[in-house]
Amino acid sequence: MTEDKFFSKPMIFLYCIALILWSYLLTYLEVNIYFIILNPINFALFFNIVYGIMHQKKIKSASSL
């Protein structure tokens, strides 16, 4: 699987949905707010969102040349 498929726009959108649903689940389970914010899964999902957006911008700028 290439990065183009892994960081496509629908996949980045699904990462955002997963991050929101994961936060809702932790809130529903009444987890400590510090754990919700500092959870390693949140960091991984946020990193994937940021990296995917940067990857899309890099592809778009390379294709416009």
C-alpha atoms as a PDB file:
ATOM      1  CA  MET A   1       0.000   0.000   0.000  1.00  0.00           C
ATOM      2  CA  THR A   2       1.480   3.318  -1.037  1.00  0.00           C
ATOM      3  CA  GLU A   3       1.352   6.613   0.845  1.00  0.00           C
ATOM      4  CA  ASP A   4      -0.959   8.035  -1.817  1.00  0.00           C
ATOM      5  CA  LYS A   5      -3.688   5.571  -0.838  1.00  0.00           C
ATOM      6  CA  PHE A   6      -2.929   5.717   2.870  1.00  0.00           C
ATOM      7  CA  PHE A   7      -3.113   9.515   3.036  1.00  0.00           C
ATOM      8  CA  SER A   8      -5.935  10.145   0.609  1.00  0.00           C
ATOM      9  CA  LYS A   9      -8.504  12.790   1.490  1.00  0.00           C
ATOM     10  CA  PRO A  10     -11.190  10.268   2.610  1.00  0.00           C
ATOM     11  CA  MET A  11      -8.642   8.524   4.821  1.00  0.00           C
ATOM     12  CA  ILE A  12      -7.646  11.802   6.501  1.00  0.00           C
ATOM     13  CA  PHE A  13     -11.349  12.490   7.081  1.00  0.00           C
ATOM     14  CA  LEU A  14     -11.728   9.038   8.671  1.00  0.00           C
ATOM     15  CA  TYR A  15      -8.778   9.762  10.975  1.00  0.00           C
ATOM     16  CA  CYS A  16     -10.628  12.880  12.169  1.00  0.00           C
ATOM     17  CA  ILE A  17     -13.799  10.846  12.763  1.00  0.00           C
ATOM     18  CA  ALA A  18     -11.843   8.179  14.655  1.00  0.00           C
ATOM     19  CA  LEU A  19     -10.207  10.826  16.855  1.00  0.00           C
ATOM     20  CA  ILE A  20     -13.570  12.381  17.712  1.00  0.00           C
ATOM     21  CA  LEU A  21     -15.244   9.022  18.420  1.00  0.00           C
ATOM     22  CA  TRP A  22     -12.296   7.865  20.539  1.00  0.00           C
ATOM     23  CA  SER A  23     -12.519  11.054  22.619  1.00  0.00           C
ATOM     24  CA  TYR A  24     -16.282  10.595  23.023  1.00  0.00           C
ATOM     25  CA  LEU A  25     -15.765   7.008  24.177  1.00  0.00           C
ATOM     26  CA  LEU A  26     -13.219   8.022  26.791  1.00  0.00           C
ATOM     27  CA  THR A  27     -15.531  10.811  27.970  1.00  0.00           C
ATOM     28  CA  TYR A  28     -18.450   8.368  28.223  1.00  0.00           C
ATOM     29  CA  LEU A  29     -16.322   5.979  30.270  1.00  0.00           C
ATOM     30  CA  GLU A  30     -15.577   8.886  32.623  1.00  0.00           C
ATOM     31  CA  VAL A  31     -11.837   8.702  32.172  1.00  0.00           C
ATOM     32  CA  ASN A  32      -9.676  11.394  33.723  1.00  0.00           C
ATOM     33  CA  ILE A  33      -9.511  14.466  31.449  1.00  0.00           C
ATOM     34  CA  TYR A  34      -5.698  14.443  31.520  1.00  0.00           C
ATOM     35  CA  PHE A  35      -5.676  10.903  30.154  1.00  0.00           C
ATOM     36  CA  ILE A  36      -8.042  11.915  27.347  1.00  0.00           C
ATOM     37  CA  ILE A  37      -5.760  14.780  26.329  1.00  0.00           C
ATOM     38  CA  LEU A  38      -2.425  12.969  26.832  1.00  0.00           C
ATOM     39  CA  ASN A  39      -3.491   9.587  25.461  1.00  0.00           C
ATOM     40  CA  PRO A  40      -0.905   8.078  23.069  1.00  0.00           C
ATOM     41  CA  ILE A  41      -3.636   7.043  20.630  1.00  0.00           C
ATOM     42  CA  ASN A  42      -4.734  10.680  20.372  1.00  0.00           C
ATOM     43  CA  PHE A  43      -1.164  11.688  19.573  1.00  0.00           C
ATOM     44  CA  ALA A  44      -0.926   8.990  16.887  1.00  0.00           C
ATOM     45  CA  LEU A  45      -4.225   9.965  15.268  1.00  0.00           C
ATOM     46  CA  PHE A  46      -3.355  13.669  15.390  1.00  0.00           C
ATOM     47  CA  PHE A  47       0.085  12.977  13.883  1.00  0.00           C
ATOM     48  CA  ASN A  48      -1.511  10.970  11.061  1.00  0.00           C
ATOM     49  CA  ILE A  49      -3.930  13.821  10.339  1.00  0.00           C
ATOM     50  CA  VAL A  50      -1.163  16.441  10.226  1.00  0.00           C
ATOM     51  CA  TYR A  51       1.203  14.241   8.221  1.00  0.00           C
ATOM     52  CA  GLY A  52      -1.571  13.321   5.777  1.00  0.00           C
ATOM     53  CA  ILE A  53      -2.506  16.964   5.184  1.00  0.00           C
ATOM     54  CA  MET A  54       1.143  17.872   4.593  1.00  0.00           C
ATOM     55  CA  HIS A  55       1.501  14.907   2.230  1.00  0.00           C
ATOM     56  CA  GLN A  56      -1.544  16.048   0.234  1.00  0.00           C
ATOM     57  CA  LYS A  57      -0.157  19.601   0.004  1.00  0.00           C
ATOM     58  CA  LYS A  58       3.198  18.252  -1.174  1.00  0.00           C
ATOM     59  CA  ILE A  59       1.507  16.163  -3.882  1.00  0.00           C
ATOM     60  CA  LYS A  60      -0.634  19.099  -4.999  1.00  0.00           C
ATOM     61  CA  SER A  61       2.355  21.468  -5.190  1.00  0.00           C
ATOM     62  CA  ALA A  62       4.432  18.879  -7.075  1.00  0.00           C
ATOM     63  CA  SER A  63       1.659  18.265  -9.606  1.00  0.00           C
ATOM     64  CA  SER A  64       1.188  21.977 -10.266  1.00  0.00           C
ATOM     65  CA  LEU A  65       4.815  22.343 -11.428  1.00  0.00           C
END
